[in-house]
Amino acid sequence: MPQFKDMEIRVIGKAVSSTKTLIKAGNFEIYIDKLGGEYPSPLDYTLAALAGCINIVGHMVAKEMGFEINSLEIEVNGTFNPAKFKGFDGDRAGFKSIEVTIRVDARVDDETLKEWIKRVEERCPVSDNLINETPTEITVKKA
């Protein structure tokens, strides 16, 4: 079994305005805005990251299992109550629930698809971060 080293992935965000943030991720720039703003919101990107991760891992696992995916559509819906985010009493600031519906066209039986999605769920880093608590430390420094 190969040994892997930990990787550090870094993004840097800079406020463009009170609602817009420019994120530098490697050689890419991503704009984030408030809900209903000019660009996708952080919540949109969270759901999009999950869909993208399922796509990547899904194709990788299918190849390892010996089948080809002809088409794959991942629909991700999150339920969010803005009360706590807005400064009022609320259960939590994040999603209350996330539901994923995957439509896959592949020439395999239902048992193979069940095993495939089980492996995808186990190996998707974004899903893992949403399901499990990840230690997070926030430090504030004066500019």
N, C-alpha and C. Protein backbone atom coordinates (compact mmCIF):
# COMPACT_ATOMS: atom_id res chain seq x y z
N MET A 1 0.85 -1.19 0.00
CA MET A 1 0.00 0.00 0.00
C MET A 1 0.89 1.24 0.00
N PRO A 2 0.66 2.16 -0.92
CA PRO A 2 1.50 3.37 -0.95
C PRO A 2 1.26 4.25 0.27
N GLN A 3 2.30 4.97 0.66
CA GLN A 3 2.16 5.92 1.76
C GLN A 3 2.02 7.32 1.17
N PHE A 4 1.14 8.09 1.77
CA PHE A 4 0.88 9.43 1.29
C PHE A 4 1.22 10.42 2.39
N LYS A 5 1.70 11.59 1.99
CA LYS A 5 1.99 12.67 2.94
C LYS A 5 0.79 13.61 3.00
N ASP A 6 0.63 14.25 4.14
CA ASP A 6 -0.41 15.27 4.28
C ASP A 6 -0.15 16.39 3.27
N MET A 7 -1.22 16.92 2.71
CA MET A 7 -1.13 18.05 1.79
C MET A 7 -1.79 19.26 2.43
N GLU A 8 -1.20 20.41 2.25
CA GLU A 8 -1.84 21.64 2.72
C GLU A 8 -2.46 22.33 1.51
N ILE A 9 -3.72 22.65 1.63
CA ILE A 9 -4.43 23.37 0.58
C ILE A 9 -4.79 24.73 1.16
N ARG A 10 -4.43 25.78 0.44
CA ARG A 10 -4.62 27.13 0.97
C ARG A 10 -5.39 27.99 -0.02
N VAL A 11 -6.30 28.77 0.52
CA VAL A 11 -6.97 29.82 -0.25
C VAL A 11 -6.80 31.12 0.53
N ILE A 12 -6.78 32.21 -0.18
CA ILE A 12 -6.65 33.52 0.47
C ILE A 12 -7.82 34.38 0.01
N GLY A 13 -8.55 34.92 0.97
CA GLY A 13 -9.69 35.76 0.66
C GLY A 13 -9.41 37.21 0.98
N LYS A 14 -9.86 38.10 0.11
CA LYS A 14 -9.71 39.54 0.33
C LYS A 14 -11.05 40.21 0.08
N ALA A 15 -11.50 41.00 1.06
CA ALA A 15 -12.77 41.71 0.92
C ALA A 15 -12.69 42.71 -0.22
N VAL A 16 -13.63 42.61 -1.15
CA VAL A 16 -13.75 43.56 -2.25
C VAL A 16 -14.76 44.64 -1.86
N SER A 17 -15.76 44.21 -1.07
CA SER A 17 -16.77 45.12 -0.53
C SER A 17 -17.30 44.45 0.75
N SER A 18 -18.34 45.03 1.32
CA SER A 18 -18.90 44.45 2.54
C SER A 18 -19.57 43.09 2.29
N THR A 19 -19.88 42.76 1.05
CA THR A 19 -20.51 41.47 0.75
C THR A 19 -19.69 40.61 -0.21
N LYS A 20 -18.81 41.20 -0.99
CA LYS A 20 -18.05 40.44 -1.99
C LYS A 20 -16.64 40.14 -1.50
N THR A 21 -16.20 38.91 -1.77
CA THR A 21 -14.87 38.46 -1.41
C THR A 21 -14.20 37.88 -2.65
N LEU A 22 -12.95 38.25 -2.86
CA LEU A 22 -12.15 37.65 -3.93
C LEU A 22 -11.28 36.58 -3.28
N ILE A 23 -11.41 35.36 -3.75
CA ILE A 23 -10.66 34.23 -3.23
C ILE A 23 -9.60 33.85 -4.25
N LYS A 24 -8.36 33.71 -3.80
CA LYS A 24 -7.30 33.17 -4.66
C LYS A 24 -7.07 31.74 -4.21
N ALA A 25 -7.26 30.82 -5.14
CA ALA A 25 -7.07 29.39 -4.88
C ALA A 25 -6.12 28.87 -5.95
N GLY A 26 -4.86 28.71 -5.58
CA GLY A 26 -3.87 28.33 -6.58
C GLY A 26 -3.76 29.42 -7.63
N ASN A 27 -3.91 29.05 -8.89
CA ASN A 27 -3.86 30.01 -10.00
C ASN A 27 -5.23 30.55 -10.37
N PHE A 28 -6.24 30.29 -9.53
CA PHE A 28 -7.60 30.67 -9.86
C PHE A 28 -8.11 31.78 -8.95
N GLU A 29 -9.06 32.55 -9.47
CA GLU A 29 -9.75 33.56 -8.68
C GLU A 29 -11.23 33.21 -8.66
N ILE A 30 -11.81 33.27 -7.47
CA ILE A 30 -13.21 32.96 -7.28
C ILE A 30 -13.85 34.14 -6.55
N TYR A 31 -14.98 34.58 -7.03
CA TYR A 31 -15.72 35.63 -6.32
C TYR A 31 -16.87 35.01 -5.54
N ILE A 32 -17.02 35.46 -4.31
CA ILE A 32 -18.10 35.01 -3.44
C ILE A 32 -18.89 36.24 -3.02
N ASP A 33 -20.20 36.11 -2.96
CA ASP A 33 -21.08 37.23 -2.63
C ASP A 33 -22.11 36.76 -1.60
N LYS A 34 -22.97 37.66 -1.19
CA LYS A 34 -24.06 37.31 -0.27
C LYS A 34 -25.09 36.48 -1.02
N LEU A 35 -25.98 35.83 -0.27
CA LEU A 35 -27.09 35.11 -0.90
C LEU A 35 -27.88 36.07 -1.78
N GLY A 36 -28.14 35.68 -3.00
CA GLY A 36 -28.89 36.52 -3.92
C GLY A 36 -28.07 37.66 -4.50
N GLY A 37 -26.76 37.62 -4.33
CA GLY A 37 -25.89 38.68 -4.83
C GLY A 37 -25.48 38.46 -6.28
N GLU A 38 -24.43 39.16 -6.67
CA GLU A 38 -23.93 39.12 -8.04
C GLU A 38 -23.20 37.81 -8.34
N TYR A 39 -22.62 37.19 -7.33
CA TYR A 39 -21.88 35.93 -7.47
C TYR A 39 -22.48 34.89 -6.53
N PRO A 40 -22.09 33.61 -6.67
CA PRO A 40 -22.58 32.60 -5.73
C PRO A 40 -22.16 32.93 -4.29
N SER A 41 -22.97 32.48 -3.35
CA SER A 41 -22.70 32.71 -1.93
C SER A 41 -21.81 31.59 -1.38
N PRO A 42 -21.27 31.78 -0.17
CA PRO A 42 -20.51 30.69 0.45
C PRO A 42 -21.34 29.40 0.56
N LEU A 43 -22.64 29.54 0.82
CA LEU A 43 -23.49 28.35 0.91
C LEU A 43 -23.64 27.66 -0.44
N ASP A 44 -23.76 28.46 -1.52
CA ASP A 44 -23.81 27.89 -2.87
C ASP A 44 -22.52 27.11 -3.16
N TYR A 45 -21.39 27.72 -2.82
CA TYR A 45 -20.11 27.06 -3.07
C TYR A 45 -19.94 25.79 -2.25
N THR A 46 -20.49 25.76 -1.04
CA THR A 46 -20.42 24.54 -0.23
C THR A 46 -21.14 23.40 -0.94
N LEU A 47 -22.36 23.67 -1.42
CA LEU A 47 -23.11 22.64 -2.13
C LEU A 47 -22.45 22.29 -3.46
N ALA A 48 -21.91 23.29 -4.15
CA ALA A 48 -21.22 23.05 -5.41
C ALA A 48 -19.97 22.20 -5.20
N ALA A 49 -19.25 22.45 -4.11
CA ALA A 49 -18.05 21.67 -3.80
C ALA A 49 -18.41 20.21 -3.58
N LEU A 50 -19.53 19.95 -2.92
CA LEU A 50 -19.96 18.58 -2.70
C LEU A 50 -20.29 17.91 -4.03
N ALA A 51 -21.03 18.59 -4.90
CA ALA A 51 -21.38 18.03 -6.21
C ALA A 51 -20.12 17.75 -7.03
N GLY A 52 -19.18 18.69 -7.03
CA GLY A 52 -17.94 18.51 -7.79
C GLY A 52 -17.12 17.34 -7.27
N CYS A 53 -17.06 17.20 -5.96
CA CYS A 53 -16.30 16.12 -5.35
C CYS A 53 -16.92 14.76 -5.68
N ILE A 54 -18.25 14.68 -5.61
CA ILE A 54 -18.93 13.43 -5.95
C ILE A 54 -18.66 13.06 -7.40
N ASN A 55 -18.64 14.04 -8.29
CA ASN A 55 -18.34 13.79 -9.70
C ASN A 55 -16.94 13.20 -9.86
N ILE A 56 -15.95 13.85 -9.27
CA ILE A 56 -14.56 13.41 -9.42
C ILE A 56 -14.36 12.02 -8.82
N VAL A 57 -14.79 11.85 -7.58
CA VAL A 57 -14.61 10.56 -6.91
C VAL A 57 -15.47 9.49 -7.59
N GLY A 58 -16.66 9.86 -8.02
CA GLY A 58 -17.54 8.91 -8.69
C GLY A 58 -16.93 8.32 -9.94
N HIS A 59 -16.33 9.16 -10.77
CA HIS A 59 -15.68 8.66 -11.98
C HIS A 59 -14.45 7.82 -11.65
N MET A 60 -13.68 8.24 -10.66
CA MET A 60 -12.49 7.51 -10.25
C MET A 60 -12.86 6.11 -9.75
N VAL A 61 -13.88 6.03 -8.88
CA VAL A 61 -14.30 4.75 -8.32
C VAL A 61 -14.90 3.85 -9.41
N ALA A 62 -15.67 4.42 -10.31
CA ALA A 62 -16.24 3.62 -11.40
C ALA A 62 -15.14 2.98 -12.23
N LYS A 63 -14.12 3.74 -12.54
CA LYS A 63 -12.99 3.21 -13.31
C LYS A 63 -12.33 2.07 -12.55
N GLU A 64 -12.12 2.25 -11.24
CA GLU A 64 -11.50 1.20 -10.42
C GLU A 64 -12.38 -0.05 -10.37
N MET A 65 -13.69 0.13 -10.41
CA MET A 65 -14.63 -1.00 -10.36
C MET A 65 -14.87 -1.61 -11.74
N GLY A 66 -14.29 -0.99 -12.77
CA GLY A 66 -14.36 -1.57 -14.11
C GLY A 66 -15.57 -1.21 -14.93
N PHE A 67 -16.20 -0.07 -14.64
CA PHE A 67 -17.30 0.36 -15.51
C PHE A 67 -17.18 1.84 -15.84
N GLU A 68 -17.87 2.22 -16.89
CA GLU A 68 -17.83 3.60 -17.39
C GLU A 68 -19.14 4.30 -17.09
N ILE A 69 -19.03 5.54 -16.68
CA ILE A 69 -20.20 6.38 -16.46
C ILE A 69 -20.48 7.13 -17.75
N ASN A 70 -21.67 6.93 -18.31
CA ASN A 70 -22.04 7.62 -19.55
C ASN A 70 -22.49 9.05 -19.26
N SER A 71 -23.24 9.22 -18.18
CA SER A 71 -23.62 10.56 -17.75
C SER A 71 -23.87 10.54 -16.25
N LEU A 72 -23.64 11.69 -15.63
CA LEU A 72 -23.79 11.80 -14.19
C LEU A 72 -24.32 13.20 -13.87
N GLU A 73 -25.41 13.24 -13.13
CA GLU A 73 -25.97 14.52 -12.68
C GLU A 73 -26.12 14.45 -11.18
N ILE A 74 -25.60 15.47 -10.50
CA ILE A 74 -25.64 15.52 -9.05
C ILE A 74 -26.42 16.75 -8.64
N GLU A 75 -27.57 16.54 -8.00
CA GLU A 75 -28.39 17.64 -7.49
C GLU A 75 -28.21 17.70 -5.98
N VAL A 76 -27.83 18.87 -5.47
CA VAL A 76 -27.60 19.02 -4.04
C VAL A 76 -28.49 20.14 -3.52
N ASN A 77 -29.31 19.82 -2.52
CA ASN A 77 -30.22 20.78 -1.91
C ASN A 77 -29.89 20.90 -0.43
N GLY A 78 -29.75 22.14 0.03
CA GLY A 78 -29.50 22.38 1.44
C GLY A 78 -30.63 23.18 2.05
N THR A 79 -31.00 22.84 3.28
CA THR A 79 -32.01 23.59 4.01
C THR A 79 -31.29 24.45 5.03
N PHE A 80 -31.55 25.76 4.97
CA PHE A 80 -30.83 26.75 5.76
C PHE A 80 -31.83 27.70 6.39
N ASN A 81 -31.70 27.95 7.68
CA ASN A 81 -32.51 28.95 8.35
C ASN A 81 -31.58 30.10 8.72
N PRO A 82 -31.83 31.32 8.22
CA PRO A 82 -30.90 32.43 8.42
C PRO A 82 -30.95 33.10 9.79
N ALA A 83 -31.78 32.64 10.72
CA ALA A 83 -31.95 33.33 12.01
C ALA A 83 -30.63 33.57 12.73
N LYS A 84 -29.87 32.54 13.00
CA LYS A 84 -28.61 32.69 13.74
C LYS A 84 -27.62 33.54 12.95
N PHE A 85 -27.53 33.32 11.65
CA PHE A 85 -26.67 34.11 10.77
C PHE A 85 -27.00 35.60 10.88
N LYS A 86 -28.28 35.92 11.02
CA LYS A 86 -28.73 37.31 11.12
C LYS A 86 -28.63 37.88 12.53
N GLY A 87 -28.17 37.05 13.51
CA GLY A 87 -27.98 37.54 14.87
C GLY A 87 -29.13 37.25 15.81
N PHE A 88 -30.05 36.39 15.41
CA PHE A 88 -31.19 36.04 16.25
C PHE A 88 -31.00 34.62 16.79
N ASP A 89 -31.89 34.23 17.71
CA ASP A 89 -31.84 32.86 18.22
C ASP A 89 -32.12 31.89 17.08
N GLY A 90 -31.34 30.84 17.04
CA GLY A 90 -31.54 29.81 16.03
C GLY A 90 -30.77 28.57 16.39
N ASP A 91 -31.13 27.46 15.77
CA ASP A 91 -30.46 26.19 16.06
C ASP A 91 -28.98 26.24 15.71
N ARG A 92 -28.69 26.66 14.51
CA ARG A 92 -27.29 26.72 14.04
C ARG A 92 -27.19 27.68 12.87
N ALA A 93 -25.98 28.10 12.56
CA ALA A 93 -25.77 29.05 11.47
C ALA A 93 -25.69 28.34 10.12
N GLY A 94 -25.34 27.06 10.12
CA GLY A 94 -25.15 26.33 8.87
C GLY A 94 -26.39 25.61 8.39
N PHE A 95 -26.18 24.74 7.42
CA PHE A 95 -27.29 23.97 6.88
C PHE A 95 -27.89 23.07 7.95
N LYS A 96 -29.22 22.98 7.97
CA LYS A 96 -29.91 22.04 8.86
C LYS A 96 -29.84 20.64 8.28
N SER A 97 -29.85 20.57 6.96
CA SER A 97 -29.74 19.28 6.27
C SER A 97 -29.28 19.51 4.84
N ILE A 98 -28.68 18.48 4.29
CA ILE A 98 -28.25 18.50 2.88
C ILE A 98 -28.72 17.19 2.27
N GLU A 99 -29.37 17.29 1.12
CA GLU A 99 -29.84 16.10 0.39
C GLU A 99 -29.18 16.07 -0.98
N VAL A 100 -28.70 14.90 -1.36
CA VAL A 100 -28.03 14.73 -2.65
C VAL A 100 -28.80 13.68 -3.44
N THR A 101 -29.13 14.02 -4.69
CA THR A 101 -29.74 13.08 -5.61
C THR A 101 -28.78 12.91 -6.78
N ILE A 102 -28.41 11.67 -7.03
CA ILE A 102 -27.46 11.37 -8.11
C ILE A 102 -28.18 10.58 -9.19
N ARG A 103 -28.12 11.08 -10.41
CA ARG A 103 -28.66 10.37 -11.56
C ARG A 103 -27.48 9.91 -12.39
N VAL A 104 -27.31 8.59 -12.46
CA VAL A 104 -26.15 8.03 -13.16
C VAL A 104 -26.61 7.09 -14.26
N ASP A 105 -26.00 7.25 -15.42
CA ASP A 105 -26.24 6.35 -16.54
C ASP A 105 -24.98 5.52 -16.71
N ALA A 106 -25.09 4.25 -16.35
CA ALA A 106 -23.97 3.31 -16.49
C ALA A 106 -24.56 1.92 -16.69
N ARG A 107 -23.87 1.10 -17.45
CA ARG A 107 -24.36 -0.26 -17.73
C ARG A 107 -23.90 -1.21 -16.62
N VAL A 108 -24.54 -1.05 -15.45
CA VAL A 108 -24.26 -1.91 -14.30
C VAL A 108 -25.58 -2.19 -13.58
N ASP A 109 -25.58 -3.24 -12.78
CA ASP A 109 -26.79 -3.58 -12.03
C ASP A 109 -26.90 -2.73 -10.76
N ASP A 110 -28.04 -2.84 -10.10
CA ASP A 110 -28.31 -2.03 -8.91
C ASP A 110 -27.34 -2.33 -7.77
N GLU A 111 -26.94 -3.59 -7.61
CA GLU A 111 -25.99 -3.95 -6.55
C GLU A 111 -24.64 -3.26 -6.77
N THR A 112 -24.20 -3.21 -8.01
CA THR A 112 -22.93 -2.53 -8.32
C THR A 112 -23.04 -1.05 -8.02
N LEU A 113 -24.19 -0.44 -8.36
CA LEU A 113 -24.38 0.99 -8.07
C LEU A 113 -24.40 1.24 -6.57
N LYS A 114 -24.99 0.35 -5.79
CA LYS A 114 -25.00 0.50 -4.32
C LYS A 114 -23.57 0.46 -3.77
N GLU A 115 -22.77 -0.47 -4.26
CA GLU A 115 -21.39 -0.57 -3.81
C GLU A 115 -20.59 0.66 -4.27
N TRP A 116 -20.88 1.12 -5.50
CA TRP A 116 -20.20 2.29 -6.05
C TRP A 116 -20.45 3.53 -5.18
N ILE A 117 -21.73 3.81 -4.86
CA ILE A 117 -22.03 5.01 -4.09
C ILE A 117 -21.51 4.89 -2.66
N LYS A 118 -21.48 3.70 -2.11
CA LYS A 118 -20.90 3.50 -0.78
C LYS A 118 -19.43 3.90 -0.79
N ARG A 119 -18.70 3.44 -1.79
CA ARG A 119 -17.27 3.79 -1.91
C ARG A 119 -17.08 5.28 -2.16
N VAL A 120 -17.93 5.86 -2.98
CA VAL A 120 -17.84 7.30 -3.27
C VAL A 120 -18.04 8.09 -1.98
N GLU A 121 -19.05 7.75 -1.21
CA GLU A 121 -19.32 8.46 0.05
C GLU A 121 -18.15 8.33 1.02
N GLU A 122 -17.53 7.16 1.08
CA GLU A 122 -16.40 6.94 1.99
C GLU A 122 -15.18 7.75 1.60
N ARG A 123 -15.03 8.03 0.31
CA ARG A 123 -13.78 8.64 -0.19
C ARG A 123 -13.88 10.11 -0.57
N CYS A 124 -15.06 10.68 -0.56
CA CYS A 124 -15.24 12.09 -0.95
C CYS A 124 -14.79 13.01 0.19
N PRO A 125 -13.70 13.78 0.01
CA PRO A 125 -13.22 14.65 1.08
C PRO A 125 -14.23 15.72 1.50
N VAL A 126 -15.00 16.26 0.58
CA VAL A 126 -15.96 17.31 0.93
C VAL A 126 -17.09 16.71 1.77
N SER A 127 -17.60 15.57 1.37
CA SER A 127 -18.63 14.90 2.15
C SER A 127 -18.11 14.58 3.55
N ASP A 128 -16.88 14.11 3.63
CA ASP A 128 -16.28 13.80 4.91
C ASP A 128 -16.23 15.04 5.81
N ASN A 129 -15.87 16.19 5.25
CA ASN A 129 -15.80 17.42 6.04
C ASN A 129 -17.18 17.90 6.47
N LEU A 130 -18.19 17.62 5.69
CA LEU A 130 -19.55 18.03 6.07
C LEU A 130 -20.15 17.11 7.13
N ILE A 131 -19.82 15.83 7.04
CA ILE A 131 -20.39 14.84 7.96
C ILE A 131 -19.67 14.83 9.30
N ASN A 132 -18.36 14.97 9.29
CA ASN A 132 -17.55 14.86 10.50
C ASN A 132 -17.06 16.22 10.97
N GLU A 133 -16.88 16.34 12.26
CA GLU A 133 -16.32 17.56 12.82
C GLU A 133 -14.84 17.65 12.46
N THR A 134 -14.44 18.79 11.92
CA THR A 134 -13.05 19.03 11.56
C THR A 134 -12.51 20.13 12.46
N PRO A 135 -11.43 19.87 13.20
CA PRO A 135 -10.88 20.93 14.06
C PRO A 135 -10.57 22.17 13.24
N THR A 136 -11.08 23.30 13.68
CA THR A 136 -10.89 24.56 12.98
C THR A 136 -10.42 25.60 13.98
N GLU A 137 -9.34 26.28 13.66
CA GLU A 137 -8.81 27.32 14.54
C GLU A 137 -8.78 28.63 13.76
N ILE A 138 -9.37 29.67 14.34
CA ILE A 138 -9.40 30.99 13.70
C ILE A 138 -8.55 31.93 14.54
N THR A 139 -7.58 32.56 13.89
CA THR A 139 -6.69 33.51 14.55
C THR A 139 -6.89 34.88 13.93
N VAL A 140 -6.97 35.90 14.74
CA VAL A 140 -7.11 37.28 14.24
C VAL A 140 -5.80 38.00 14.46
N LYS A 141 -5.32 38.67 13.40
CA LYS A 141 -4.10 39.46 13.49
C LYS A 141 -4.40 40.85 12.97
N LYS A 142 -3.83 41.84 13.61
CA LYS A 142 -4.02 43.22 13.18
C LYS A 142 -3.19 43.46 11.92
N ALA A 143 -3.81 44.09 10.92
CA ALA A 143 -3.10 44.37 9.65
C ALA A 143 -2.17 45.54 9.78
